[in-house]
Amino acid sequence: MSSNPRWLRSCRLLAFGCTVLSGCTVGPNYRGAPVVASQSLQAPGFKRAPQQAVSSSPAAAKWWRELEDPQLTRLIETALAGSPDIHAAEARLREARAGLRLQQRSALPQASTSASYLHVHLPSTSLGLGSVSLYNAGFDATWEADLFGGTRRAIEAASAQAAAVDAQLADTHVQLSAEVAQAYVDLRDEQQRVALVRESVEIEQQMLTLTQERRAQGVASDIDVERIRTQVESTRSQLIPLEAQITESLDQLAGLSGKEPGALDAELAATAPLPQLPQVIPVGDPAALLRQRPDIRAAEWQLVSQNAQIGERVADWFPKLTLLGDLGVSAASPAQLSSSNNLMWLGAPLLQWDVLDFGRTKARVDQARAGLDEARAKYETTVLGALRDANVALSRYGHQRENVTSLRNVEASATRTAVLTQQRYRAGASSALDWLDAERTRFAAQQNRIAADAELLRDFVALQKSLGMGWQRP
């Protein structure tokens, strides 16, 4: 050891000291998210789960396949692949991960090389000086020792931020799949309404023709004919706004899929039934909701990031040690660059300590602590909102399912009444007004049933969205 140069021993002692000190990390360690709605999270299931719900945990991805509608499946998966919103979220994730890599590289030494050539022409003197050339090549390196963990906290914050953006991408999947499904249900609902209106117009037109024939025979009056003609035109007028809504729904689906307006007209213009709901729906429990909803996971990762930023700012209170090194060679000609006599080197530790910053560091620490408090409050809000969304969606779905059953019974009764009244009218036992009223009742009952079926599907989609369904790992 005594034979080693003194500078080498000093460098070894300095490196050993940096290694020991670098194990220190200031700032609070993350100890988990705050407990929110503890009683609800300990419950075995949701309070307002309908009878058709089961407590088994649902799969997070591709809930739309349970509806067994190939066109809906194709639309959602096309949107998830081609939507500009998804592309933007993926770009934000790449940006966050690049920021993490940049922060990680900042903990490593920085080195650079340089080479220069200098030619100076001096006036001739008695010393014989004229033109002088100088060749120089060098290598320098710097490394800031992370004595108090400021760099490690910055890496921790960047890593949590990248995880939060990843969860936000998953939440974009959830939102987009629900929006596509809602727009698709709207389209099929509007197409079913158009088909019903056209069927009713055809029935009422037959009624008008028959009444006109009876008027010619002197059995019906002019007022009967005009009343039915008015009803035919009134029913037909409902086609115009419905067809406009169909065009709007088609363009909305095209936009959600990342396509221009009209791109899906040929594929979806034909009338098709509403998707069929599954018999049972897995909903899990409130604790599982916290694990699977991406917005909750994103809120907690933001909490982790803000917590780490406190340590990053606290480290500014302590000294910073930077190790400097420079190795170079200078000579009057390129051939002399390889000579050891022209070699020069420099190694030095640089200790910096901002002992008088007039409270700037404290202000930055207070700012980071306030950011943590804000992130904690946002996490609590997100959890409470998620639990409310899930319970409301479950309640709406259960009550709407009962409503659909009731309206289907009403429709069946109104249809039977309309058929019997038509038979009585043809037999001369009922008036045109009786038949017209029965057809109006049937038409309204069918409209209400179609609207209820569509609303039940929307409630199903809203339920999947509230549970955080619809995201998957690439």
Protein backbone atom coordinates (compact mmCIF):
# COMPACT_ATOMS: atom_id res chain seq x y z
CA MET A 1 0.00 0.00 0.00
CA SER A 2 2.88 2.37 0.85
CA SER A 3 4.24 2.01 -2.67
CA ASN A 4 1.06 3.43 -4.21
CA PRO A 5 1.14 7.10 -5.15
CA ARG A 6 -0.43 9.40 -2.62
CA TRP A 7 -3.05 10.68 -5.06
CA LEU A 8 -4.25 7.13 -5.74
CA ARG A 9 -4.77 6.46 -2.06
CA SER A 10 -6.69 9.72 -1.72
CA CYS A 11 -8.97 8.82 -4.64
CA ARG A 12 -9.68 5.41 -3.13
CA LEU A 13 -10.56 6.93 0.24
CA LEU A 14 -12.79 9.49 -1.45
CA ALA A 15 -14.57 6.84 -3.50
CA PHE A 16 -15.09 4.71 -0.38
CA GLY A 17 -16.55 7.69 1.46
CA CYS A 18 -18.91 8.46 -1.43
CA THR A 19 -20.07 4.85 -1.48
CA VAL A 20 -20.86 4.94 2.23
CA LEU A 21 -22.63 8.27 2.06
CA SER A 22 -24.60 7.34 -1.03
CA GLY A 23 -26.55 4.82 1.04
CA CYS A 24 -28.30 7.76 2.74
CA THR A 25 -31.65 8.79 1.23
CA VAL A 26 -33.46 11.75 2.73
CA GLY A 27 -37.16 12.37 2.53
CA PRO A 28 -40.21 10.29 3.52
CA ASN A 29 -40.58 6.73 2.26
CA TYR A 30 -43.90 5.84 0.66
CA ARG A 31 -46.07 3.91 3.12
CA GLY A 32 -49.13 3.21 1.00
CA ALA A 33 -52.25 5.01 -0.05
CA PRO A 34 -54.62 6.45 2.57
CA VAL A 35 -57.51 4.28 3.67
CA VAL A 36 -60.76 5.47 2.11
CA ALA A 37 -64.24 4.08 2.79
CA SER A 38 -62.85 1.26 4.93
CA GLN A 39 -66.27 -0.25 5.67
CA SER A 40 -67.20 -0.49 2.00
CA LEU A 41 -63.84 -2.01 1.07
CA GLN A 42 -64.25 -4.74 3.67
CA ALA A 43 -67.69 -5.73 2.35
CA PRO A 44 -67.93 -9.05 0.47
CA GLY A 45 -69.83 -7.37 -2.37
CA PHE A 46 -71.49 -4.17 -3.54
CA LYS A 47 -74.55 -3.05 -1.59
CA ARG A 48 -76.73 -2.49 -4.65
CA ALA A 49 -75.74 -5.47 -6.76
CA PRO A 50 -78.79 -6.84 -8.65
CA GLN A 51 -79.82 -10.48 -8.56
CA GLN A 52 -78.22 -11.13 -11.95
CA ALA A 53 -74.78 -10.10 -10.60
CA VAL A 54 -72.31 -12.60 -9.18
CA SER A 55 -69.45 -11.81 -6.84
CA SER A 56 -66.74 -13.47 -8.92
CA SER A 57 -64.14 -10.98 -10.15
CA PRO A 58 -64.62 -10.01 -13.81
CA ALA A 59 -61.86 -10.12 -16.39
CA ALA A 60 -60.58 -6.65 -17.13
CA ALA A 61 -60.40 -7.06 -20.90
CA LYS A 62 -62.91 -7.43 -23.73
CA TRP A 63 -66.18 -7.45 -21.80
CA TRP A 64 -67.96 -6.56 -25.05
CA ARG A 65 -67.54 -10.11 -26.32
CA GLU A 66 -70.14 -11.21 -23.78
CA LEU A 67 -72.73 -9.35 -25.88
CA GLU A 68 -72.04 -11.73 -28.79
CA ASP A 69 -72.26 -9.04 -31.45
CA PRO A 70 -69.46 -9.46 -34.04
CA GLN A 71 -69.89 -5.96 -35.44
CA LEU A 72 -69.63 -4.36 -32.00
CA THR A 73 -66.53 -6.41 -31.23
CA ARG A 74 -64.94 -5.41 -34.51
CA LEU A 75 -65.76 -1.73 -33.97
CA ILE A 76 -64.31 -1.57 -30.45
CA GLU A 77 -61.13 -3.42 -31.36
CA THR A 78 -60.70 -1.23 -34.45
CA ALA A 79 -61.11 1.88 -32.30
CA LEU A 80 -58.61 0.64 -29.72
CA ALA A 81 -56.08 0.13 -32.53
CA GLY A 82 -56.74 3.24 -34.60
CA SER A 83 -58.18 5.97 -32.38
CA PRO A 84 -56.14 9.20 -32.18
CA ASP A 85 -56.92 9.33 -28.45
CA ILE A 86 -55.18 5.98 -27.98
CA HIS A 87 -52.22 7.12 -30.10
CA ALA A 88 -51.92 10.30 -28.04
CA ALA A 89 -52.00 8.32 -24.76
CA GLU A 90 -49.37 5.92 -26.09
CA ALA A 91 -47.19 8.87 -27.08
CA ARG A 92 -47.51 10.29 -23.55
CA LEU A 93 -46.41 6.92 -22.17
CA ARG A 94 -43.35 6.84 -24.44
CA GLU A 95 -42.56 10.38 -23.35
CA ALA A 96 -42.82 9.46 -19.66
CA ARG A 97 -40.64 6.38 -20.09
CA ALA A 98 -38.06 8.43 -21.98
CA GLY A 99 -38.08 10.90 -19.08
CA LEU A 100 -37.46 8.01 -16.69
CA ARG A 101 -34.49 6.80 -18.75
CA LEU A 102 -33.11 10.34 -18.83
CA GLN A 103 -33.40 10.60 -15.07
CA GLN A 104 -31.70 7.23 -14.62
CA ARG A 105 -28.81 8.27 -16.88
CA SER A 106 -28.30 11.44 -14.86
CA ALA A 107 -27.00 9.29 -12.00
CA LEU A 108 -24.11 8.08 -14.19
CA PRO A 109 -20.83 9.94 -14.92
CA GLN A 110 -20.73 12.37 -17.82
CA ALA A 111 -17.72 12.25 -20.11
CA SER A 112 -16.65 14.03 -23.26
CA THR A 113 -13.66 14.14 -25.59
CA SER A 114 -12.18 17.04 -27.46
CA ALA A 115 -9.50 17.69 -30.05
CA SER A 116 -8.18 20.97 -31.35
CA TYR A 117 -5.52 22.42 -33.59
CA LEU A 118 -4.14 25.91 -33.05
CA HIS A 119 -1.96 27.78 -35.51
CA VAL A 120 -0.57 31.20 -34.56
CA HIS A 121 1.52 33.47 -36.72
CA LEU A 122 3.76 35.76 -34.68
CA PRO A 123 5.88 38.66 -35.95
CA SER A 124 9.55 37.88 -36.51
CA THR A 125 11.83 39.07 -33.70
CA SER A 126 15.30 38.51 -32.55
CA LEU A 127 14.05 35.42 -30.75
CA GLY A 128 13.32 33.83 -34.09
CA LEU A 129 9.62 33.28 -33.45
CA GLY A 130 7.38 32.93 -36.47
CA SER A 131 4.47 30.54 -36.92
CA VAL A 132 3.55 28.25 -34.04
CA SER A 133 1.25 25.17 -34.21
CA LEU A 134 -0.29 23.39 -31.26
CA TYR A 135 -2.16 20.06 -31.27
CA ASN A 136 -4.32 19.13 -28.33
CA ALA A 137 -6.48 16.07 -27.45
CA GLY A 138 -8.30 15.54 -24.20
CA PHE A 139 -10.85 13.52 -22.20
CA ASP A 140 -12.81 14.90 -19.26
CA ALA A 141 -15.40 13.37 -16.94
CA THR A 142 -17.65 14.56 -14.11
CA TRP A 143 -19.79 12.65 -11.67
CA GLU A 144 -22.05 13.99 -8.98
CA ALA A 145 -22.11 11.61 -6.05
CA ASP A 146 -25.65 11.02 -4.86
CA LEU A 147 -24.72 11.49 -1.21
CA PHE A 148 -28.18 12.11 0.19
CA GLY A 149 -30.41 10.36 -2.35
CA GLY A 150 -31.71 13.35 -4.27
CA THR A 151 -31.03 11.66 -7.60
CA ARG A 152 -32.53 8.39 -6.40
CA ARG A 153 -35.68 10.21 -5.30
CA ALA A 154 -35.88 11.88 -8.71
CA ILE A 155 -35.66 8.46 -10.38
CA GLU A 156 -38.33 7.14 -8.03
CA ALA A 157 -40.61 10.07 -8.90
CA ALA A 158 -40.06 9.62 -12.65
CA SER A 159 -40.69 5.89 -12.40
CA ALA A 160 -43.98 6.45 -10.55
CA GLN A 161 -44.97 9.10 -13.07
CA ALA A 162 -44.37 6.66 -15.93
CA ALA A 163 -46.51 4.06 -14.13
CA ALA A 164 -49.27 6.67 -13.69
CA VAL A 165 -49.23 7.47 -17.41
CA ASP A 166 -49.38 3.75 -18.15
CA ALA A 167 -52.51 3.49 -15.99
CA GLN A 168 -53.94 6.55 -17.75
CA LEU A 169 -53.47 4.75 -21.07
CA ALA A 170 -55.46 1.83 -19.67
CA ASP A 171 -58.15 4.28 -18.54
CA THR A 172 -58.29 5.66 -22.09
CA HIS A 173 -59.03 2.09 -23.25
CA VAL A 174 -61.86 1.87 -20.72
CA GLN A 175 -63.36 5.20 -21.74
CA LEU A 176 -63.07 4.57 -25.48
CA SER A 177 -64.54 1.06 -25.44
CA ALA A 178 -67.52 2.36 -23.44
CA GLU A 179 -68.03 5.30 -25.82
CA VAL A 180 -67.99 3.02 -28.87
CA ALA A 181 -70.45 0.63 -27.25
CA GLN A 182 -72.79 3.48 -26.26
CA ALA A 183 -72.72 4.92 -29.79
CA TYR A 184 -73.35 1.46 -31.26
CA VAL A 185 -76.36 0.92 -28.97
CA ASP A 186 -77.68 4.34 -29.98
CA LEU A 187 -77.38 3.39 -33.65
CA ARG A 188 -79.20 0.07 -33.26
CA ASP A 189 -81.84 1.74 -31.08
CA GLU A 190 -82.49 4.35 -33.77
CA GLN A 191 -82.62 1.70 -36.50
CA GLN A 192 -85.13 -0.33 -34.48
CA ARG A 193 -87.26 2.78 -34.04
CA VAL A 194 -87.18 3.49 -37.78
CA ALA A 195 -88.27 -0.08 -38.51
CA LEU A 196 -91.11 0.25 -36.00
CA VAL A 197 -92.27 3.56 -37.48
CA ARG A 198 -92.30 2.12 -40.98
CA GLU A 199 -94.25 -0.91 -39.79
CA SER A 200 -96.76 1.35 -38.05
CA VAL A 201 -97.09 3.54 -41.13
CA GLU A 202 -97.82 0.44 -43.21
CA ILE A 203 -100.50 -0.73 -40.76
CA GLU A 204 -102.06 2.72 -40.58
CA GLN A 205 -101.98 3.00 -44.37
CA GLN A 206 -103.91 -0.25 -44.57
CA MET A 207 -106.32 1.14 -42.03
CA LEU A 208 -106.74 4.29 -44.15
CA THR A 209 -107.39 2.28 -47.32
CA LEU A 210 -109.95 0.12 -45.57
CA THR A 211 -111.69 3.16 -44.07
CA GLN A 212 -111.79 4.86 -47.45
CA GLU A 213 -113.46 1.75 -48.87
CA ARG A 214 -115.99 1.79 -46.05
CA ARG A 215 -116.58 5.50 -46.64
CA ALA A 216 -117.37 4.75 -50.26
CA GLN A 217 -119.91 2.18 -49.05
CA GLY A 218 -121.41 4.73 -46.68
CA VAL A 219 -120.33 2.85 -43.53
CA ALA A 220 -117.57 5.28 -42.41
CA SER A 221 -117.60 9.06 -42.25
CA ASP A 222 -115.28 11.69 -43.72
CA ILE A 223 -114.04 12.53 -40.26
CA ASP A 224 -112.92 8.90 -39.77
CA VAL A 225 -110.91 9.10 -43.01
CA GLU A 226 -109.28 12.42 -42.09
CA ARG A 227 -108.48 11.28 -38.56
CA ILE A 228 -106.62 8.21 -39.83
CA ARG A 229 -104.88 10.19 -42.61
CA THR A 230 -103.64 12.63 -39.98
CA GLN A 231 -102.31 9.76 -37.91
CA VAL A 232 -100.48 8.28 -40.91
CA GLU A 233 -98.71 11.56 -41.66
CA SER A 234 -97.94 12.15 -38.00
CA THR A 235 -96.33 8.72 -37.67
CA ARG A 236 -94.41 9.12 -40.96
CA SER A 237 -93.00 12.48 -39.79
CA GLN A 238 -91.08 10.69 -37.03
CA LEU A 239 -88.78 9.15 -39.65
CA ILE A 240 -87.01 12.41 -40.47
CA PRO A 241 -85.34 13.11 -37.06
CA LEU A 242 -84.59 9.41 -36.57
CA GLU A 243 -82.76 9.18 -39.89
CA ALA A 244 -80.76 12.29 -38.97
CA GLN A 245 -79.82 10.66 -35.65
CA ILE A 246 -78.69 7.53 -37.50
CA THR A 247 -76.35 9.61 -39.65
CA GLU A 248 -74.99 11.29 -36.52
CA SER A 249 -74.39 7.94 -34.80
CA LEU A 250 -72.62 6.54 -37.88
CA ASP A 251 -70.29 9.54 -38.01
CA GLN A 252 -69.66 9.33 -34.27
CA LEU A 253 -68.64 5.68 -34.58
CA ALA A 254 -66.36 6.55 -37.50
CA GLY A 255 -64.70 9.33 -35.51
CA LEU A 256 -64.17 7.10 -32.47
CA SER A 257 -62.55 4.51 -34.78
CA GLY A 258 -60.16 7.07 -36.22
CA LYS A 259 -61.92 7.21 -39.61
CA GLU A 260 -63.49 9.95 -41.67
CA PRO A 261 -67.27 10.57 -41.62
CA GLY A 262 -69.20 8.14 -43.77
CA ALA A 263 -66.53 5.43 -43.65
CA LEU A 264 -68.81 3.01 -41.78
CA ASP A 265 -72.08 3.73 -43.62
CA ALA A 266 -71.88 0.71 -45.90
CA GLU A 267 -70.98 -1.63 -43.05
CA LEU A 268 -73.58 -0.47 -40.50
CA ALA A 269 -76.41 0.99 -42.57
CA ALA A 270 -78.43 -2.23 -42.56
CA THR A 271 -80.84 -2.53 -39.64
CA ALA A 272 -79.69 -5.04 -37.00
CA PRO A 273 -81.07 -6.02 -33.60
CA LEU A 274 -79.69 -4.78 -30.32
CA PRO A 275 -76.94 -6.91 -28.74
CA GLN A 276 -78.06 -9.60 -26.31
CA LEU A 277 -77.15 -9.21 -22.66
CA PRO A 278 -75.56 -12.09 -20.71
CA GLN A 279 -77.66 -13.84 -18.11
CA VAL A 280 -75.28 -13.11 -15.24
CA ILE A 281 -72.73 -10.35 -14.73
CA PRO A 282 -69.55 -10.78 -12.64
CA VAL A 283 -68.95 -7.61 -10.61
CA GLY A 284 -66.47 -8.62 -7.92
CA ASP A 285 -66.24 -6.62 -4.70
CA PRO A 286 -65.19 -3.06 -3.77
CA ALA A 287 -61.63 -4.11 -2.90
CA ALA A 288 -61.21 -5.67 -6.34
CA LEU A 289 -62.48 -2.41 -7.85
CA LEU A 290 -59.46 -0.56 -6.43
CA ARG A 291 -57.08 -3.05 -8.02
CA GLN A 292 -58.63 -3.01 -11.48
CA ARG A 293 -59.82 0.57 -12.11
CA PRO A 294 -57.00 2.30 -13.99
CA ASP A 295 -57.88 5.79 -12.78
CA ILE A 296 -57.45 4.67 -9.15
CA ARG A 297 -54.10 3.09 -9.94
CA ALA A 298 -53.04 6.26 -11.78
CA ALA A 299 -54.04 8.39 -8.77
CA GLU A 300 -51.96 6.22 -6.43
CA TRP A 301 -48.91 6.35 -8.70
CA GLN A 302 -49.24 10.15 -8.70
CA LEU A 303 -49.21 9.91 -4.92
CA VAL A 304 -45.99 7.88 -5.03
CA SER A 305 -44.39 10.39 -7.40
CA GLN A 306 -45.30 13.39 -5.25
CA ASN A 307 -43.98 11.65 -2.15
CA ALA A 308 -40.62 11.01 -3.86
CA GLN A 309 -40.40 14.64 -4.99
CA ILE A 310 -40.32 15.71 -1.33
CA GLY A 311 -37.09 13.74 -0.84
CA GLU A 312 -35.70 15.19 -4.05
CA ARG A 313 -36.25 18.71 -2.72
CA VAL A 314 -35.05 17.92 0.83
CA ALA A 315 -31.71 16.76 -0.64
CA ASP A 316 -31.08 20.34 -1.78
CA TRP A 317 -30.48 21.27 1.86
CA PHE A 318 -27.31 19.16 1.95
CA PRO A 319 -23.89 19.51 0.29
CA LYS A 320 -23.29 18.21 -3.24
CA LEU A 321 -20.04 16.49 -4.16
CA THR A 322 -18.87 16.41 -7.75
CA LEU A 323 -15.78 14.53 -8.89
CA LEU A 324 -13.89 16.14 -11.77
CA GLY A 325 -11.29 14.47 -13.97
CA ASP A 326 -9.40 15.62 -17.05
CA LEU A 327 -6.80 13.80 -19.12
CA GLY A 328 -5.11 15.45 -22.10
CA VAL A 329 -2.04 15.75 -24.24
CA SER A 330 -0.60 18.77 -26.08
CA ALA A 331 2.27 18.91 -28.57
CA ALA A 332 3.63 21.04 -31.34
CA SER A 333 3.25 18.25 -33.89
CA PRO A 334 1.00 15.17 -34.26
CA ALA A 335 3.99 12.85 -33.87
CA GLN A 336 4.70 14.20 -30.37
CA LEU A 337 1.16 13.48 -29.06
CA SER A 338 2.15 9.96 -28.11
CA SER A 339 5.00 11.13 -25.89
CA SER A 340 4.38 10.68 -22.17
CA ASN A 341 6.16 13.96 -21.48
CA ASN A 342 3.27 15.84 -23.10
CA LEU A 343 0.60 14.11 -20.98
CA MET A 344 -1.29 16.10 -18.39
CA TRP A 345 -4.09 15.05 -16.00
CA LEU A 346 -6.27 16.61 -13.37
CA GLY A 347 -8.47 15.06 -10.68
CA ALA A 348 -10.37 17.09 -8.10
CA PRO A 349 -13.41 16.80 -5.81
CA LEU A 350 -15.76 19.81 -5.84
CA LEU A 351 -17.94 20.35 -2.78
CA GLN A 352 -20.83 22.76 -3.13
CA TRP A 353 -23.22 23.81 -0.39
CA ASP A 354 -25.79 26.52 -0.79
CA VAL A 355 -25.74 27.65 2.82
CA LEU A 356 -27.51 30.96 2.22
CA ASP A 357 -30.46 30.58 -0.14
CA PHE A 358 -32.87 32.86 1.73
CA GLY A 359 -35.52 30.13 2.11
CA ARG A 360 -35.68 29.02 -1.52
CA THR A 361 -35.07 25.37 -0.65
CA LYS A 362 -37.64 25.44 2.13
CA ALA A 363 -40.16 26.94 -0.29
CA ARG A 364 -39.52 24.11 -2.76
CA VAL A 365 -39.93 21.51 0.02
CA ASP A 366 -43.18 23.13 1.14
CA GLN A 367 -44.33 23.14 -2.47
CA ALA A 368 -43.62 19.41 -2.77
CA ARG A 369 -45.44 18.67 0.49
CA ALA A 370 -48.46 20.63 -0.72
CA GLY A 371 -48.34 18.63 -3.95
CA LEU A 372 -48.44 15.43 -1.89
CA ASP A 373 -51.47 16.68 0.04
CA GLU A 374 -53.20 17.50 -3.24
CA ALA A 375 -52.38 14.06 -4.69
CA ARG A 376 -53.73 12.41 -1.53
CA ALA A 377 -56.97 14.37 -1.76
CA LYS A 378 -57.33 13.50 -5.46
CA TYR A 379 -56.78 9.83 -4.65
CA GLU A 380 -59.51 9.91 -2.02
CA THR A 381 -61.85 11.68 -4.45
CA THR A 382 -61.11 9.12 -7.15
CA VAL A 383 -61.82 6.18 -4.84
CA LEU A 384 -65.05 7.65 -3.51
CA GLY A 385 -66.14 8.52 -7.04
CA ALA A 386 -65.38 4.99 -8.26
CA LEU A 387 -67.40 3.41 -5.45
CA ARG A 388 -70.29 5.79 -6.13
CA ASP A 389 -70.16 5.08 -9.88
CA ALA A 390 -70.20 1.34 -9.32
CA ASN A 391 -73.09 1.40 -6.86
CA VAL A 392 -75.15 3.76 -9.00
CA ALA A 393 -74.50 1.72 -12.14
CA LEU A 394 -75.45 -1.51 -10.37
CA SER A 395 -78.63 0.04 -9.02
CA ARG A 396 -79.65 1.45 -12.40
CA TYR A 397 -78.95 -1.82 -14.16
CA GLY A 398 -81.00 -3.84 -11.68
CA HIS A 399 -84.00 -1.48 -11.76
CA GLN A 400 -83.88 -1.10 -15.53
CA ARG A 401 -83.93 -4.86 -15.95
CA GLU A 402 -87.14 -4.98 -13.93
CA ASN A 403 -88.53 -2.12 -16.00
CA VAL A 404 -87.80 -4.00 -19.25
CA THR A 405 -89.69 -7.04 -17.99
CA SER A 406 -92.70 -4.89 -17.11
CA LEU A 407 -92.68 -3.04 -20.45
CA ARG A 408 -92.50 -6.29 -22.38
CA ASN A 409 -95.68 -7.42 -20.63
CA VAL A 410 -97.30 -4.11 -21.54
CA GLU A 411 -96.23 -4.52 -25.17
CA ALA A 412 -97.63 -8.05 -25.36
CA SER A 413 -100.97 -6.90 -23.94
CA ALA A 414 -101.16 -3.87 -26.27
CA THR A 415 -100.36 -6.05 -29.29
CA ARG A 416 -103.10 -8.50 -28.42
CA THR A 417 -105.56 -5.63 -27.96
CA ALA A 418 -104.63 -4.11 -31.33
CA VAL A 419 -105.10 -7.45 -33.13
CA LEU A 420 -108.49 -8.06 -31.50
CA THR A 421 -109.65 -4.52 -32.22
CA GLN A 422 -108.61 -4.86 -35.86
CA GLN A 423 -110.64 -8.07 -36.14
CA ARG A 424 -113.65 -6.39 -34.55
CA TYR A 425 -113.34 -3.40 -36.91
CA ARG A 426 -113.26 -5.62 -39.98
CA ALA A 427 -116.33 -7.38 -38.63
CA GLY A 428 -118.05 -4.04 -38.07
CA ALA A 429 -118.18 -4.44 -34.28
CA SER A 430 -115.73 -1.60 -33.53
CA SER A 431 -115.24 1.88 -34.89
CA ALA A 432 -112.22 3.29 -36.72
CA LEU A 433 -111.48 5.39 -33.64
CA ASP A 434 -111.28 2.25 -31.48
CA TRP A 435 -108.84 0.63 -33.91
CA LEU A 436 -106.80 3.82 -34.19
CA ASP A 437 -106.54 4.15 -30.40
CA ALA A 438 -105.48 0.50 -30.11
CA GLU A 439 -102.77 1.00 -32.75
CA ARG A 440 -101.52 4.12 -31.00
CA THR A 441 -101.28 2.21 -27.74
CA ARG A 442 -99.46 -0.66 -29.42
CA PHE A 443 -97.05 1.72 -31.16
CA ALA A 444 -96.28 3.57 -27.91
CA ALA A 445 -95.77 0.29 -26.02
CA GLN A 446 -93.34 -0.98 -28.65
CA GLN A 447 -91.47 2.33 -28.64
CA ASN A 448 -91.17 2.21 -24.85
CA ARG A 449 -89.95 -1.38 -24.93
CA ILE A 450 -87.28 -0.65 -27.57
CA ALA A 451 -86.15 2.41 -25.60
CA ALA A 452 -86.01 0.33 -22.41
CA ASP A 453 -83.96 -2.42 -24.08
CA ALA A 454 -81.49 0.18 -25.37
CA GLU A 455 -81.33 1.89 -21.98
CA LEU A 456 -80.62 -1.45 -20.30
CA LEU A 457 -77.72 -1.99 -22.68
CA ARG A 458 -76.42 1.50 -21.94
CA ASP A 459 -76.64 0.73 -18.22
CA PHE A 460 -74.68 -2.47 -18.84
CA VAL A 461 -71.97 -0.51 -20.66
CA ALA A 462 -71.92 2.10 -17.89
CA LEU A 463 -71.55 -0.69 -15.36
CA GLN A 464 -68.52 -2.11 -17.16
CA LYS A 465 -67.02 1.36 -17.33
CA SER A 466 -67.63 1.97 -13.62
CA LEU A 467 -65.90 -1.32 -12.78
CA GLY A 468 -62.88 -0.30 -14.85
CA MET A 469 -63.36 -2.93 -17.54
CA GLY A 470 -61.98 -2.70 -21.06
CA TRP A 471 -58.19 -2.39 -20.76
CA GLN A 472 -55.53 -4.95 -21.47
CA ARG A 473 -51.79 -5.18 -21.65
CA PRO A 474 -50.35 -4.90 -25.18
